[in-house]
Amino acid sequence: MIPAMRQQLERSSHCSLIVLVPDSLPTGMAIEDILMLESGGVESDWTAGVVYLPLK
C-alpha cells in the first residue's frame, strides 16, 4: 500500500474499499466491473476490504 494512503486510512474514522486492477485488464472491462459492484452492492459492502479485478 502507498504510505500516504495508509496514513490517510489510519487517520480516518472508516476505511475505504480498495479495488486492484491489473495493467492487462482493458479499461472498459474495469469500468464495467466497478459499475457492477456499485449497482449490486449496499453501503456496507464498501467498507474496508480489497477487490481484485476482473470479477469474471
N, C-alpha and C. Protein backbone atom coordinates (compact mmCIF):
# COMPACT_ATOMS: atom_id res chain seq x y z
N MET A 1 0.84 -1.17 0.00
CA MET A 1 0.00 0.00 0.00
C MET A 1 0.89 1.24 0.00
N ILE A 2 0.43 2.24 -0.67
CA ILE A 2 1.16 3.50 -0.73
C ILE A 2 1.16 4.12 0.67
N PRO A 3 2.34 4.54 1.17
CA PRO A 3 2.40 5.08 2.53
C PRO A 3 1.41 6.21 2.82
N ALA A 4 1.21 7.11 1.88
CA ALA A 4 0.26 8.21 2.09
C ALA A 4 -1.16 7.68 2.26
N MET A 5 -1.53 6.65 1.50
CA MET A 5 -2.86 6.05 1.64
C MET A 5 -3.01 5.40 3.00
N ARG A 6 -1.96 4.71 3.44
CA ARG A 6 -2.01 4.04 4.74
C ARG A 6 -2.22 5.08 5.85
N GLN A 7 -1.50 6.20 5.77
CA GLN A 7 -1.63 7.24 6.78
C GLN A 7 -3.04 7.84 6.76
N GLN A 8 -3.58 8.06 5.58
CA GLN A 8 -4.93 8.61 5.48
C GLN A 8 -5.95 7.65 6.08
N LEU A 9 -5.81 6.36 5.80
CA LEU A 9 -6.74 5.38 6.34
C LEU A 9 -6.64 5.31 7.86
N GLU A 10 -5.43 5.41 8.41
CA GLU A 10 -5.25 5.37 9.85
C GLU A 10 -5.89 6.58 10.52
N ARG A 11 -5.88 7.73 9.86
CA ARG A 11 -6.45 8.96 10.42
C ARG A 11 -7.96 9.01 10.30
N SER A 12 -8.51 8.35 9.29
CA SER A 12 -9.95 8.45 9.07
C SER A 12 -10.71 7.53 10.03
N SER A 13 -11.98 7.84 10.20
CA SER A 13 -12.81 7.05 11.11
C SER A 13 -13.32 5.78 10.44
N HIS A 14 -13.21 5.68 9.15
CA HIS A 14 -13.63 4.48 8.45
C HIS A 14 -12.62 4.16 7.35
N CYS A 15 -12.66 2.95 6.90
CA CYS A 15 -11.74 2.52 5.83
C CYS A 15 -12.52 2.41 4.53
N SER A 16 -11.82 2.61 3.46
CA SER A 16 -12.44 2.53 2.14
C SER A 16 -12.07 1.22 1.46
N LEU A 17 -12.92 0.84 0.56
CA LEU A 17 -12.64 -0.33 -0.26
C LEU A 17 -11.52 -0.01 -1.23
N ILE A 18 -10.64 -0.95 -1.43
CA ILE A 18 -9.55 -0.79 -2.39
C ILE A 18 -9.81 -1.74 -3.54
N VAL A 19 -9.80 -1.23 -4.76
CA VAL A 19 -10.01 -2.04 -5.95
C VAL A 19 -8.69 -2.11 -6.69
N LEU A 20 -8.18 -3.32 -6.85
CA LEU A 20 -6.92 -3.53 -7.56
C LEU A 20 -7.21 -3.99 -8.98
N VAL A 21 -6.64 -3.29 -9.94
CA VAL A 21 -6.88 -3.56 -11.36
C VAL A 21 -5.55 -3.85 -12.03
N PRO A 22 -5.40 -5.03 -12.65
CA PRO A 22 -4.15 -5.32 -13.34
C PRO A 22 -3.99 -4.46 -14.59
N ASP A 23 -2.75 -4.14 -14.92
CA ASP A 23 -2.48 -3.34 -16.12
C ASP A 23 -3.00 -4.00 -17.39
N SER A 24 -3.09 -5.32 -17.38
CA SER A 24 -3.50 -6.06 -18.57
C SER A 24 -5.02 -6.02 -18.81
N LEU A 25 -5.80 -5.56 -17.82
CA LEU A 25 -7.25 -5.52 -17.96
C LEU A 25 -7.65 -4.30 -18.78
N PRO A 26 -8.41 -4.51 -19.86
CA PRO A 26 -8.86 -3.36 -20.66
C PRO A 26 -9.68 -2.38 -19.79
N THR A 27 -9.51 -1.11 -20.06
CA THR A 27 -10.17 -0.06 -19.28
C THR A 27 -11.68 -0.24 -19.25
N GLY A 28 -12.26 -0.53 -20.39
CA GLY A 28 -13.71 -0.71 -20.47
C GLY A 28 -14.21 -1.83 -19.57
N MET A 29 -13.48 -2.94 -19.50
CA MET A 29 -13.87 -4.06 -18.66
C MET A 29 -13.76 -3.68 -17.18
N ALA A 30 -12.71 -2.95 -16.84
CA ALA A 30 -12.54 -2.49 -15.46
C ALA A 30 -13.71 -1.60 -15.05
N ILE A 31 -14.09 -0.68 -15.93
CA ILE A 31 -15.21 0.22 -15.64
C ILE A 31 -16.50 -0.56 -15.47
N GLU A 32 -16.74 -1.52 -16.35
CA GLU A 32 -17.95 -2.34 -16.25
C GLU A 32 -18.00 -3.10 -14.93
N ASP A 33 -16.88 -3.67 -14.51
CA ASP A 33 -16.84 -4.41 -13.26
C ASP A 33 -17.08 -3.50 -12.06
N ILE A 34 -16.50 -2.31 -12.08
CA ILE A 34 -16.70 -1.37 -10.98
C ILE A 34 -18.16 -0.91 -10.93
N LEU A 35 -18.76 -0.65 -12.08
CA LEU A 35 -20.17 -0.27 -12.12
C LEU A 35 -21.06 -1.41 -11.64
N MET A 36 -20.70 -2.64 -11.96
CA MET A 36 -21.46 -3.80 -11.49
C MET A 36 -21.38 -3.90 -9.97
N LEU A 37 -20.19 -3.68 -9.42
CA LEU A 37 -20.03 -3.69 -7.96
C LEU A 37 -20.91 -2.62 -7.32
N GLU A 38 -20.89 -1.43 -7.89
CA GLU A 38 -21.63 -0.31 -7.34
C GLU A 38 -23.14 -0.53 -7.42
N SER A 39 -23.62 -1.05 -8.53
CA SER A 39 -25.06 -1.20 -8.72
C SER A 39 -25.63 -2.36 -7.92
N GLY A 40 -24.83 -3.37 -7.64
CA GLY A 40 -25.33 -4.55 -6.95
C GLY A 40 -25.02 -4.59 -5.48
N GLY A 41 -24.37 -3.57 -4.97
CA GLY A 41 -23.96 -3.61 -3.58
C GLY A 41 -24.74 -2.67 -2.70
N VAL A 42 -24.53 -2.84 -1.41
CA VAL A 42 -25.08 -1.93 -0.42
C VAL A 42 -23.91 -1.22 0.25
N GLU A 43 -24.18 -0.15 0.98
CA GLU A 43 -23.11 0.66 1.55
C GLU A 43 -22.15 -0.15 2.41
N SER A 44 -22.66 -1.15 3.12
CA SER A 44 -21.79 -1.95 3.98
C SER A 44 -20.79 -2.78 3.16
N ASP A 45 -21.07 -3.00 1.88
CA ASP A 45 -20.12 -3.71 1.01
C ASP A 45 -18.88 -2.88 0.74
N TRP A 46 -18.98 -1.56 0.93
CA TRP A 46 -17.90 -0.66 0.59
C TRP A 46 -17.02 -0.32 1.79
N THR A 47 -17.08 -1.12 2.84
CA THR A 47 -16.20 -0.91 3.98
C THR A 47 -14.85 -1.53 3.68
N ALA A 48 -13.97 -1.47 4.63
CA ALA A 48 -12.59 -1.92 4.45
C ALA A 48 -12.53 -3.29 3.77
N GLY A 49 -11.72 -3.38 2.79
CA GLY A 49 -11.53 -4.62 2.07
C GLY A 49 -10.81 -4.37 0.76
N VAL A 50 -10.54 -5.46 0.07
CA VAL A 50 -9.84 -5.39 -1.21
C VAL A 50 -10.61 -6.22 -2.21
N VAL A 51 -10.83 -5.68 -3.39
CA VAL A 51 -11.46 -6.39 -4.50
C VAL A 51 -10.44 -6.46 -5.62
N TYR A 52 -10.28 -7.64 -6.17
CA TYR A 52 -9.36 -7.84 -7.29
C TYR A 52 -10.17 -8.00 -8.56
N LEU A 53 -9.84 -7.23 -9.57
CA LEU A 53 -10.50 -7.35 -10.86
C LEU A 53 -9.62 -8.17 -11.79
N PRO A 54 -10.17 -8.86 -12.76
CA PRO A 54 -11.57 -8.87 -13.19
C PRO A 54 -12.42 -9.75 -12.28
N LEU A 55 -13.72 -9.42 -12.22
CA LEU A 55 -14.67 -10.19 -11.42
C LEU A 55 -15.04 -11.51 -12.10
N LYS A 56 -14.98 -11.52 -13.41
CA LYS A 56 -15.43 -12.68 -14.18
C LYS A 56 -14.35 -13.72 -14.30
